């Protein structure tokens, strides 16, 4: 159950990053905003993946 939740959270973060990229491409957010928000999501994915592989 926990593994499924982690997987869903990672997928959700990936989808958010894709949306952020689309917003950046349409110039609705700046490159800086994209980088800030994407970095947060990628850090979450990295931490979750480390925890996931340690279990």
PDB file of N, CA and C in Angstrom:
ATOM      1  N   UNK A   1       0.828  -1.202   0.000  1.00  0.00           N
ATOM      2  CA  UNK A   1       0.000   0.000   0.000  1.00  0.00           C
ATOM      3  C   UNK A   1       0.871   1.263   0.000  1.00  0.00           C
ATOM      4  N   UNK A   2       1.873   1.289   0.869  1.00  0.00           N
ATOM      5  CA  UNK A   2       2.746   2.454   0.948  1.00  0.00           C
ATOM      6  C   UNK A   2       3.519   2.652  -0.350  1.00  0.00           C
ATOM      7  N   UNK A   3       3.956   1.558  -0.936  1.00  0.00           N
ATOM      8  CA  UNK A   3       4.693   1.639  -2.205  1.00  0.00           C
ATOM      9  C   UNK A   3       3.805   2.197  -3.302  1.00  0.00           C
ATOM     10  N   UNK A   4       2.553   1.791  -3.326  1.00  0.00           N
ATOM     11  CA  UNK A   4       1.611   2.317  -4.327  1.00  0.00           C
ATOM     12  C   UNK A   4       1.407   3.816  -4.146  1.00  0.00           C
ATOM     13  N   UNK A   5       1.317   4.259  -2.902  1.00  0.00           N
ATOM     14  CA  UNK A   5       1.136   5.682  -2.620  1.00  0.00           C
ATOM     15  C   UNK A   5       2.360   6.471  -3.072  1.00  0.00           C
ATOM     16  N   UNK A   6       3.544   5.965  -2.779  1.00  0.00           N
ATOM     17  CA  UNK A   6       4.771   6.633  -3.205  1.00  0.00           C
ATOM     18  C   UNK A   6       4.839   6.723  -4.726  1.00  0.00           C
ATOM     19  N   UNK A   7       4.470   5.656  -5.387  1.00  0.00           N
ATOM     20  CA  UNK A   7       4.478   5.638  -6.848  1.00  0.00           C
ATOM     21  C   UNK A   7       3.506   6.666  -7.409  1.00  0.00           C
ATOM     22  N   UNK A   8       2.330   6.747  -6.822  1.00  0.00           N
ATOM     23  CA  UNK A   8       1.339   7.731  -7.271  1.00  0.00           C
ATOM     24  C   UNK A   8       1.825   9.164  -7.037  1.00  0.00           C
ATOM     25  N   UNK A   9       2.486   9.396  -5.919  1.00  0.00           N
ATOM     26  CA  UNK A   9       3.007  10.732  -5.629  1.00  0.00           C
ATOM     27  C   UNK A   9       4.101  11.122  -6.619  1.00  0.00           C
ATOM     28  N   UNK A  10       4.960  10.172  -6.958  1.00  0.00           N
ATOM     29  CA  UNK A  10       6.003  10.436  -7.949  1.00  0.00           C
ATOM     30  C   UNK A  10       5.369  10.762  -9.299  1.00  0.00           C
ATOM     31  N   UNK A  11       4.385   9.991  -9.699  1.00  0.00           N
ATOM     32  CA  UNK A  11       3.688  10.236 -10.962  1.00  0.00           C
ATOM     33  C   UNK A  11       3.030  11.613 -10.955  1.00  0.00           C
ATOM     34  N   UNK A  12       2.423  11.969  -9.862  1.00  0.00           N
ATOM     35  CA  UNK A  12       1.787  13.284  -9.746  1.00  0.00           C
ATOM     36  C   UNK A  12       2.821  14.401  -9.884  1.00  0.00           C
ATOM     37  N   UNK A  13       3.963  14.245  -9.250  1.00  0.00           N
ATOM     38  CA  UNK A  13       5.021  15.251  -9.376  1.00  0.00           C
ATOM     39  C   UNK A  13       5.497  15.367 -10.822  1.00  0.00           C
ATOM     40  N   UNK A  14       5.635  14.254 -11.491  1.00  0.00           N
ATOM     41  CA  UNK A  14       6.047  14.278 -12.895  1.00  0.00           C
ATOM     42  C   UNK A  14       5.019  15.011 -13.748  1.00  0.00           C
ATOM     43  N   UNK A  15       3.761  14.797 -13.470  1.00  0.00           N
ATOM     44  CA  UNK A  15       2.699  15.479 -14.216  1.00  0.00           C
ATOM     45  C   UNK A  15       2.720  16.983 -13.945  1.00  0.00           C
ATOM     46  N   UNK A  16       2.986  17.358 -12.707  1.00  0.00           N
ATOM     47  CA  UNK A  16       3.075  18.782 -12.362  1.00  0.00           C
ATOM     48  C   UNK A  16       4.245  19.422 -13.111  1.00  0.00           C
ATOM     49  N   UNK A  17       5.364  18.726 -13.173  1.00  0.00           N
ATOM     50  CA  UNK A  17       6.520  19.254 -13.910  1.00  0.00           C
ATOM     51  C   UNK A  17       6.164  19.430 -15.383  1.00  0.00           C
ATOM     52  N   UNK A  18       5.448  18.496 -15.960  1.00  0.00           N
ATOM     53  CA  UNK A  18       5.019  18.625 -17.362  1.00  0.00           C
ATOM     54  C   UNK A  18       4.123  19.838 -17.560  1.00  0.00           C
ATOM     55  N   UNK A  19       3.227  20.060 -16.630  1.00  0.00           N
ATOM     56  CA  UNK A  19       2.338  21.230 -16.704  1.00  0.00           C
ATOM     57  C   UNK A  19       3.145  22.518 -16.576  1.00  0.00           C
ATOM     58  N   UNK A  20       4.085  22.524 -15.645  1.00  0.00           N
ATOM     59  CA  UNK A  20       4.944  23.702 -15.483  1.00  0.00           C
ATOM     60  C   UNK A  20       5.713  23.993 -16.773  1.00  0.00           C
ATOM     61  N   UNK A  21       6.186  22.938 -17.418  1.00  0.00           N
ATOM     62  CA  UNK A  21       6.919  23.117 -18.669  1.00  0.00           C
ATOM     63  C   UNK A  21       6.015  23.736 -19.739  1.00  0.00           C
ATOM     64  N   UNK A  22       4.810  23.254 -19.827  1.00  0.00           N
ATOM     65  CA  UNK A  22       3.861  23.808 -20.798  1.00  0.00           C
ATOM     66  C   UNK A  22       3.589  25.286 -20.504  1.00  0.00           C
ATOM     67  N   UNK A  23       3.452  25.624 -19.234  1.00  0.00           N
ATOM     68  CA  UNK A  23       3.230  27.020 -18.854  1.00  0.00           C
ATOM     69  C   UNK A  23       4.426  27.892 -19.239  1.00  0.00           C
ATOM     70  N   UNK A  24       5.613  27.344 -19.036  1.00  0.00           N
ATOM     71  CA  UNK A  24       6.825  28.077 -19.406  1.00  0.00           C
ATOM     72  C   UNK A  24       6.895  28.270 -20.921  1.00  0.00           C
ATOM     73  N   UNK A  25       6.579  27.229 -21.666  1.00  0.00           N
ATOM     74  CA  UNK A  25       6.604  27.319 -23.123  1.00  0.00           C
ATOM     75  C   UNK A  25       5.608  28.351 -23.642  1.00  0.00           C
ATOM     76  N   UNK A  26       4.492  28.493 -22.965  1.00  0.00           N
ATOM     77  CA  UNK A  26       3.474  29.472 -23.365  1.00  0.00           C
ATOM     78  C   UNK A  26       3.745  30.843 -22.754  1.00  0.00           C
ATOM     79  N   UNK A  27       4.891  30.939 -22.066  1.00  0.00           N
ATOM     80  CA  UNK A  27       5.326  32.186 -21.419  1.00  0.00           C
ATOM     81  C   UNK A  27       4.337  32.683 -20.370  1.00  0.00           C
ATOM     82  N   UNK A  28       3.678  31.743 -19.692  1.00  0.00           N
ATOM     83  CA  UNK A  28       2.775  32.103 -18.610  1.00  0.00           C
ATOM     84  C   UNK A  28       3.486  32.100 -17.257  1.00  0.00           C
ATOM     85  N   UNK A  29       4.651  31.466 -17.222  1.00  0.00           N
ATOM     86  CA  UNK A  29       5.535  31.557 -16.066  1.00  0.00           C
ATOM     87  C   UNK A  29       6.950  31.775 -16.601  1.00  0.00           C
ATOM     88  N   UNK A  30       7.805  32.320 -15.759  1.00  0.00           N
ATOM     89  CA  UNK A  30       9.177  32.584 -16.185  1.00  0.00           C
ATOM     90  C   UNK A  30      10.026  31.324 -16.057  1.00  0.00           C
ATOM     91  N   UNK A  31      11.189  31.387 -16.664  1.00  0.00           N
ATOM     92  CA  UNK A  31      12.155  30.289 -16.548  1.00  0.00           C
ATOM     93  C   UNK A  31      12.536  30.082 -15.077  1.00  0.00           C
ATOM     94  N   UNK A  32      12.694  31.170 -14.374  1.00  0.00           N
ATOM     95  CA  UNK A  32      13.052  31.096 -12.948  1.00  0.00           C
ATOM     96  C   UNK A  32      11.953  30.406 -12.133  1.00  0.00           C
ATOM     97  N   UNK A  33      10.705  30.768 -12.381  1.00  0.00           N
ATOM     98  CA  UNK A  33       9.591  30.124 -11.677  1.00  0.00           C
ATOM     99  C   UNK A  33       9.541  28.628 -11.997  1.00  0.00           C
ATOM    100  N   UNK A  34       9.731  28.313 -13.268  1.00  0.00           N
ATOM    101  CA  UNK A  34       9.750  26.913 -13.669  1.00  0.00           C
ATOM    102  C   UNK A  34      10.839  26.155 -12.923  1.00  0.00           C
ATOM    103  N   UNK A  35      12.026  26.713 -12.890  1.00  0.00           N
ATOM    104  CA  UNK A  35      13.152  26.056 -12.231  1.00  0.00           C
ATOM    105  C   UNK A  35      12.913  25.854 -10.742  1.00  0.00           C
ATOM    106  N   UNK A  36      12.393  26.855 -10.092  1.00  0.00           N
ATOM    107  CA  UNK A  36      12.131  26.772  -8.645  1.00  0.00           C
ATOM    108  C   UNK A  36      11.138  25.657  -8.345  1.00  0.00           C
ATOM    109  N   UNK A  37      10.017  25.670  -9.020  1.00  0.00           N
ATOM    110  CA  UNK A  37       8.969  24.687  -8.746  1.00  0.00           C
ATOM    111  C   UNK A  37       9.368  23.280  -9.196  1.00  0.00           C
ATOM    112  N   UNK A  38      10.028  23.191 -10.334  1.00  0.00           N
ATOM    113  CA  UNK A  38      10.467  21.880 -10.816  1.00  0.00           C
ATOM    114  C   UNK A  38      11.495  21.274  -9.872  1.00  0.00           C
ATOM    115  N   UNK A  39      12.399  22.107  -9.394  1.00  0.00           N
ATOM    116  CA  UNK A  39      13.440  21.609  -8.484  1.00  0.00           C
ATOM    117  C   UNK A  39      12.820  21.013  -7.228  1.00  0.00           C
ATOM    118  N   UNK A  40      11.804  21.655  -6.701  1.00  0.00           N
ATOM    119  CA  UNK A  40      11.122  21.136  -5.508  1.00  0.00           C
ATOM    120  C   UNK A  40      10.515  19.763  -5.790  1.00  0.00           C
ATOM    121  N   UNK A  41       9.890  19.633  -6.932  1.00  0.00           N
ATOM    122  CA  UNK A  41       9.258  18.349  -7.281  1.00  0.00           C
ATOM    123  C   UNK A  41      10.308  17.273  -7.528  1.00  0.00           C
ATOM    124  N   UNK A  42      11.399  17.639  -8.201  1.00  0.00           N
ATOM    125  CA  UNK A  42      12.456  16.672  -8.467  1.00  0.00           C
ATOM    126  C   UNK A  42      13.149  16.238  -7.177  1.00  0.00           C
ATOM    127  N   UNK A  43      13.313  17.163  -6.240  1.00  0.00           N
ATOM    128  CA  UNK A  43      13.887  16.801  -4.942  1.00  0.00           C
ATOM    129  C   UNK A  43      12.991  15.815  -4.210  1.00  0.00           C
ATOM    130  N   UNK A  44      11.695  16.037  -4.284  1.00  0.00           N
ATOM    131  CA  UNK A  44      10.762  15.110  -3.653  1.00  0.00           C
ATOM    132  C   UNK A  44      10.876  13.726  -4.276  1.00  0.00           C
ATOM    133  N   UNK A  45      10.921  13.681  -5.602  1.00  0.00           N
ATOM    134  CA  UNK A  45      11.038  12.397  -6.297  1.00  0.00           C
ATOM    135  C   UNK A  45      12.338  11.703  -5.892  1.00  0.00           C
ATOM    136  N   UNK A  46      13.416  12.456  -5.824  1.00  0.00           N
ATOM    137  CA  UNK A  46      14.712  11.883  -5.462  1.00  0.00           C
ATOM    138  C   UNK A  46      14.683  11.305  -4.044  1.00  0.00           C
ATOM    139  N   UNK A  47      14.140  12.062  -3.105  1.00  0.00           N
ATOM    140  CA  UNK A  47      14.059  11.588  -1.718  1.00  0.00           C
ATOM    141  C   UNK A  47      13.167  10.352  -1.614  1.00  0.00           C
ATOM    142  N   UNK A  48      12.051  10.383  -2.276  1.00  0.00           N
ATOM    143  CA  UNK A  48      11.125   9.256  -2.231  1.00  0.00           C
ATOM    144  C   UNK A  48      11.755   8.012  -2.844  1.00  0.00           C
ATOM    145  N   UNK A  49      12.459   8.203  -3.937  1.00  0.00           N
ATOM    146  CA  UNK A  49      13.112   7.077  -4.603  1.00  0.00           C
ATOM    147  C   UNK A  49      14.185   6.464  -3.701  1.00  0.00           C
ATOM    148  N   UNK A  50      14.940   7.305  -3.012  1.00  0.00           N
ATOM    149  CA  UNK A  50      15.965   6.796  -2.093  1.00  0.00           C
ATOM    150  C   UNK A  50      15.328   5.983  -0.973  1.00  0.00           C
ATOM    151  N   UNK A  51      14.258   6.508  -0.409  1.00  0.00           N
ATOM    152  CA  UNK A  51      13.551   5.798   0.667  1.00  0.00           C
ATOM    153  C   UNK A  51      12.974   4.500   0.125  1.00  0.00           C
ATOM    154  N   UNK A  52      12.408   4.590  -1.059  1.00  0.00           N
ATOM    155  CA  UNK A  52      11.782   3.417  -1.702  1.00  0.00           C
ATOM    156  C   UNK A  52      12.795   2.294  -1.930  1.00  0.00           C
ATOM    157  N   UNK A  53      13.998   2.651  -2.389  1.00  0.00           N
ATOM    158  CA  UNK A  53      15.010   1.627  -2.665  1.00  0.00           C
ATOM    159  C   UNK A  53      15.647   1.084  -1.395  1.00  0.00           C
ATOM    160  N   UNK A  54      15.589   1.837  -0.316  1.00  0.00           N
ATOM    161  CA  UNK A  54      16.163   1.380   0.953  1.00  0.00           C
ATOM    162  C   UNK A  54      15.272   0.357   1.647  1.00  0.00           C
ATOM    163  N   UNK A  55      14.008   0.342   1.311  1.00  0.00           N
ATOM    164  CA  UNK A  55      13.059  -0.543   1.999  1.00  0.00           C
ATOM    165  C   UNK A  55      13.174  -1.946   1.546  1.00  0.00           C
TER     166      UNK A  55
END
